[in-house]
Amino acid sequence: MQQGAKAYGAIAKKSASPRELEADLLLTAAARLQNVRDGWEERKDTELEAALLYNRKLWSIFVTSATSPENPLPANVRQNVANIGLFVLKHTLTVLASPKPENLHSLININREIAAGLRSRA
């Protein structure tokens, strides 16, 4: 987990704003998952687990941040982020237990929608 936080911190220094960074990371995670989905037969055994791990680490960081008492966001926003994050983490286990390309749709869509929202308010 600390490696993910360190990577997040290192990239943050290069980004113009935290929202843009978060959007970029979500889009990267979505692209990795989409890549696996698009080439399912060729990539499921070699790339699925890594793409899910990347996404899980990213959302673990978001959930940890959202539930931190020091987080300045309004309580309802933090709760929504935490709830979405918990869904993502739970759904990731579902995908690992029953790997099917259609099971990736929700994760890809959530990441893209949240990224779009972050970019529209950046």
C-alpha atoms as a PDB file:
ATOM      1  CA  MET A   1       0.000   0.000   0.000  1.00  0.00           C
ATOM      2  CA  GLN A   2       2.825   2.406   0.809  1.00  0.00           C
ATOM      3  CA  GLN A   3       4.297   1.925  -2.661  1.00  0.00           C
ATOM      4  CA  GLY A   4       1.008   3.041  -4.192  1.00  0.00           C
ATOM      5  CA  ALA A   5       0.957   6.099  -1.955  1.00  0.00           C
ATOM      6  CA  LYS A   6       4.561   6.898  -2.860  1.00  0.00           C
ATOM      7  CA  ALA A   7       3.815   6.561  -6.571  1.00  0.00           C
ATOM      8  CA  TYR A   8       0.743   8.767  -6.130  1.00  0.00           C
ATOM      9  CA  GLY A   9       2.868  11.379  -4.342  1.00  0.00           C
ATOM     10  CA  ALA A  10       5.598  11.294  -6.970  1.00  0.00           C
ATOM     11  CA  ILE A  11       3.130  11.842  -9.795  1.00  0.00           C
ATOM     12  CA  ALA A  12       1.345  14.571  -7.839  1.00  0.00           C
ATOM     13  CA  LYS A  13       4.456  16.725  -7.980  1.00  0.00           C
ATOM     14  CA  LYS A  14       4.283  16.703 -11.784  1.00  0.00           C
ATOM     15  CA  SER A  15       0.582  17.489 -12.111  1.00  0.00           C
ATOM     16  CA  ALA A  16      -1.054  20.877 -12.294  1.00  0.00           C
ATOM     17  CA  SER A  17      -3.754  20.086  -9.728  1.00  0.00           C
ATOM     18  CA  PRO A  18      -4.789  17.214  -7.451  1.00  0.00           C
ATOM     19  CA  ARG A  19      -8.089  16.826  -9.323  1.00  0.00           C
ATOM     20  CA  GLU A  20      -6.271  16.520 -12.640  1.00  0.00           C
ATOM     21  CA  LEU A  21      -3.909  13.968 -11.125  1.00  0.00           C
ATOM     22  CA  GLU A  22      -6.787  11.922  -9.739  1.00  0.00           C
ATOM     23  CA  ALA A  23      -8.584  12.078 -13.092  1.00  0.00           C
ATOM     24  CA  ASP A  24      -5.434  10.955 -14.920  1.00  0.00           C
ATOM     25  CA  LEU A  25      -4.904   8.050 -12.531  1.00  0.00           C
ATOM     26  CA  LEU A  26      -8.526   6.943 -12.885  1.00  0.00           C
ATOM     27  CA  LEU A  27      -8.293   7.125 -16.660  1.00  0.00           C
ATOM     28  CA  THR A  28      -5.070   5.115 -16.591  1.00  0.00           C
ATOM     29  CA  ALA A  29      -6.761   2.446 -14.483  1.00  0.00           C
ATOM     30  CA  ALA A  30      -9.790   2.440 -16.813  1.00  0.00           C
ATOM     31  CA  ALA A  31      -7.546   2.135 -19.873  1.00  0.00           C
ATOM     32  CA  ARG A  32      -5.684  -0.817 -18.371  1.00  0.00           C
ATOM     33  CA  LEU A  33      -8.947  -2.582 -17.566  1.00  0.00           C
ATOM     34  CA  GLN A  34     -10.381  -1.752 -21.007  1.00  0.00           C
ATOM     35  CA  ASN A  35      -7.237  -3.091 -22.657  1.00  0.00           C
ATOM     36  CA  VAL A  36      -7.706  -6.415 -20.873  1.00  0.00           C
ATOM     37  CA  ARG A  37     -11.404  -6.483 -21.741  1.00  0.00           C
ATOM     38  CA  ASP A  38     -10.756  -5.719 -25.414  1.00  0.00           C
ATOM     39  CA  GLY A  39      -8.164  -8.473 -25.742  1.00  0.00           C
ATOM     40  CA  TRP A  40      -9.691 -10.832 -23.198  1.00  0.00           C
ATOM     41  CA  GLU A  41      -8.452 -14.149 -24.561  1.00  0.00           C
ATOM     42  CA  GLU A  42      -4.897 -12.907 -25.032  1.00  0.00           C
ATOM     43  CA  ARG A  43      -4.620 -10.763 -21.891  1.00  0.00           C
ATOM     44  CA  LYS A  44      -6.787 -12.268 -19.128  1.00  0.00           C
ATOM     45  CA  ASP A  45      -4.051 -14.572 -17.862  1.00  0.00           C
ATOM     46  CA  THR A  46      -1.203 -12.075 -18.120  1.00  0.00           C
ATOM     47  CA  GLU A  47      -2.676  -8.600 -17.481  1.00  0.00           C
ATOM     48  CA  LEU A  48      -5.975  -8.940 -15.613  1.00  0.00           C
ATOM     49  CA  GLU A  49      -4.545  -9.353 -12.136  1.00  0.00           C
ATOM     50  CA  ALA A  50      -2.111  -6.436 -12.545  1.00  0.00           C
ATOM     51  CA  ALA A  51      -4.839  -4.135 -13.899  1.00  0.00           C
ATOM     52  CA  LEU A  52      -7.147  -5.039 -11.019  1.00  0.00           C
ATOM     53  CA  LEU A  53      -4.351  -4.554  -8.490  1.00  0.00           C
ATOM     54  CA  TYR A  54      -3.560  -1.089  -9.864  1.00  0.00           C
ATOM     55  CA  ASN A  55      -7.222  -0.111  -9.677  1.00  0.00           C
ATOM     56  CA  ARG A  56      -7.623  -1.581  -6.187  1.00  0.00           C
ATOM     57  CA  LYS A  57      -4.594   0.299  -4.857  1.00  0.00           C
ATOM     58  CA  LEU A  58      -5.846   3.537  -6.366  1.00  0.00           C
ATOM     59  CA  TRP A  59      -9.289   3.139  -4.819  1.00  0.00           C
ATOM     60  CA  SER A  60      -7.789   2.088  -1.485  1.00  0.00           C
ATOM     61  CA  ILE A  61      -5.966   5.407  -1.431  1.00  0.00           C
ATOM     62  CA  PHE A  62      -9.180   7.274  -2.288  1.00  0.00           C
ATOM     63  CA  VAL A  63     -11.129   5.483   0.458  1.00  0.00           C
ATOM     64  CA  THR A  64      -8.386   6.096   3.014  1.00  0.00           C
ATOM     65  CA  SER A  65      -8.283   9.771   2.096  1.00  0.00           C
ATOM     66  CA  ALA A  66     -12.074  10.125   2.082  1.00  0.00           C
ATOM     67  CA  THR A  67     -12.408   8.605   5.545  1.00  0.00           C
ATOM     68  CA  SER A  68      -9.609  10.660   7.064  1.00  0.00           C
ATOM     69  CA  PRO A  69     -10.809  13.215   9.621  1.00  0.00           C
ATOM     70  CA  GLU A  70      -8.384  15.738   8.099  1.00  0.00           C
ATOM     71  CA  ASN A  71     -10.060  15.565   4.691  1.00  0.00           C
ATOM     72  CA  PRO A  72     -11.496  19.043   3.933  1.00  0.00           C
ATOM     73  CA  LEU A  73     -14.286  17.833   1.621  1.00  0.00           C
ATOM     74  CA  PRO A  74     -17.874  18.003   2.860  1.00  0.00           C
ATOM     75  CA  ALA A  75     -18.999  14.917   4.783  1.00  0.00           C
ATOM     76  CA  ASN A  76     -21.527  13.862   2.132  1.00  0.00           C
ATOM     77  CA  VAL A  77     -18.878  13.947  -0.618  1.00  0.00           C
ATOM     78  CA  ARG A  78     -16.440  11.948   1.510  1.00  0.00           C
ATOM     79  CA  GLN A  79     -19.193   9.409   2.246  1.00  0.00           C
ATOM     80  CA  ASN A  80     -20.023   9.073  -1.449  1.00  0.00           C
ATOM     81  CA  VAL A  81     -16.362   8.514  -2.363  1.00  0.00           C
ATOM     82  CA  ALA A  82     -16.024   5.940   0.409  1.00  0.00           C
ATOM     83  CA  ASN A  83     -19.182   4.129  -0.718  1.00  0.00           C
ATOM     84  CA  ILE A  84     -18.071   4.027  -4.347  1.00  0.00           C
ATOM     85  CA  GLY A  85     -14.633   2.855  -3.250  1.00  0.00           C
ATOM     86  CA  LEU A  86     -16.091   0.046  -1.178  1.00  0.00           C
ATOM     87  CA  PHE A  87     -18.201  -1.031  -4.145  1.00  0.00           C
ATOM     88  CA  VAL A  88     -15.103  -1.009  -6.377  1.00  0.00           C
ATOM     89  CA  LEU A  89     -13.109  -3.068  -3.878  1.00  0.00           C
ATOM     90  CA  LYS A  90     -15.941  -5.581  -3.462  1.00  0.00           C
ATOM     91  CA  HIS A  91     -16.565  -5.812  -7.211  1.00  0.00           C
ATOM     92  CA  THR A  92     -12.855  -6.409  -7.784  1.00  0.00           C
ATOM     93  CA  LEU A  93     -13.141  -9.536  -5.632  1.00  0.00           C
ATOM     94  CA  THR A  94     -16.112 -10.614  -7.741  1.00  0.00           C
ATOM     95  CA  VAL A  95     -14.059 -10.219 -10.916  1.00  0.00           C
ATOM     96  CA  LEU A  96     -11.185 -12.189  -9.420  1.00  0.00           C
ATOM     97  CA  ALA A  97     -13.558 -14.967  -8.325  1.00  0.00           C
ATOM     98  CA  SER A  98     -15.392 -15.058 -11.653  1.00  0.00           C
ATOM     99  CA  PRO A  99     -13.205 -13.561 -14.376  1.00  0.00           C
ATOM    100  CA  LYS A 100     -15.379 -12.537 -17.312  1.00  0.00           C
ATOM    101  CA  PRO A 101     -14.856  -9.571 -19.632  1.00  0.00           C
ATOM    102  CA  GLU A 102     -18.340  -8.202 -18.935  1.00  0.00           C
ATOM    103  CA  ASN A 103     -17.510  -8.021 -15.204  1.00  0.00           C
ATOM    104  CA  LEU A 104     -14.987  -5.259 -15.962  1.00  0.00           C
ATOM    105  CA  HIS A 105     -17.604  -2.874 -17.361  1.00  0.00           C
ATOM    106  CA  SER A 106     -18.650  -1.412 -13.988  1.00  0.00           C
ATOM    107  CA  LEU A 107     -15.069  -0.725 -12.905  1.00  0.00           C
ATOM    108  CA  ILE A 108     -14.179   0.899 -16.214  1.00  0.00           C
ATOM    109  CA  ASN A 109     -17.337   3.011 -16.246  1.00  0.00           C
ATOM    110  CA  ILE A 110     -16.965   4.198 -12.633  1.00  0.00           C
ATOM    111  CA  ASN A 111     -13.382   5.301 -13.243  1.00  0.00           C
ATOM    112  CA  ARG A 112     -14.273   7.163 -16.424  1.00  0.00           C
ATOM    113  CA  GLU A 113     -17.316   8.886 -14.909  1.00  0.00           C
ATOM    114  CA  ILE A 114     -15.466  10.006 -11.778  1.00  0.00           C
ATOM    115  CA  ALA A 115     -12.551  11.238 -13.919  1.00  0.00           C
ATOM    116  CA  ALA A 116     -14.946  13.231 -16.104  1.00  0.00           C
ATOM    117  CA  GLY A 117     -16.495  14.791 -13.010  1.00  0.00           C
ATOM    118  CA  LEU A 118     -13.088  15.718 -11.621  1.00  0.00           C
ATOM    119  CA  ARG A 119     -12.043  17.298 -14.892  1.00  0.00           C
ATOM    120  CA  SER A 120     -15.220  19.325 -15.193  1.00  0.00           C
ATOM    121  CA  ARG A 121     -14.579  20.902 -11.780  1.00  0.00           C
ATOM    122  CA  ALA A 122     -10.819  21.321 -12.097  1.00  0.00           C
END
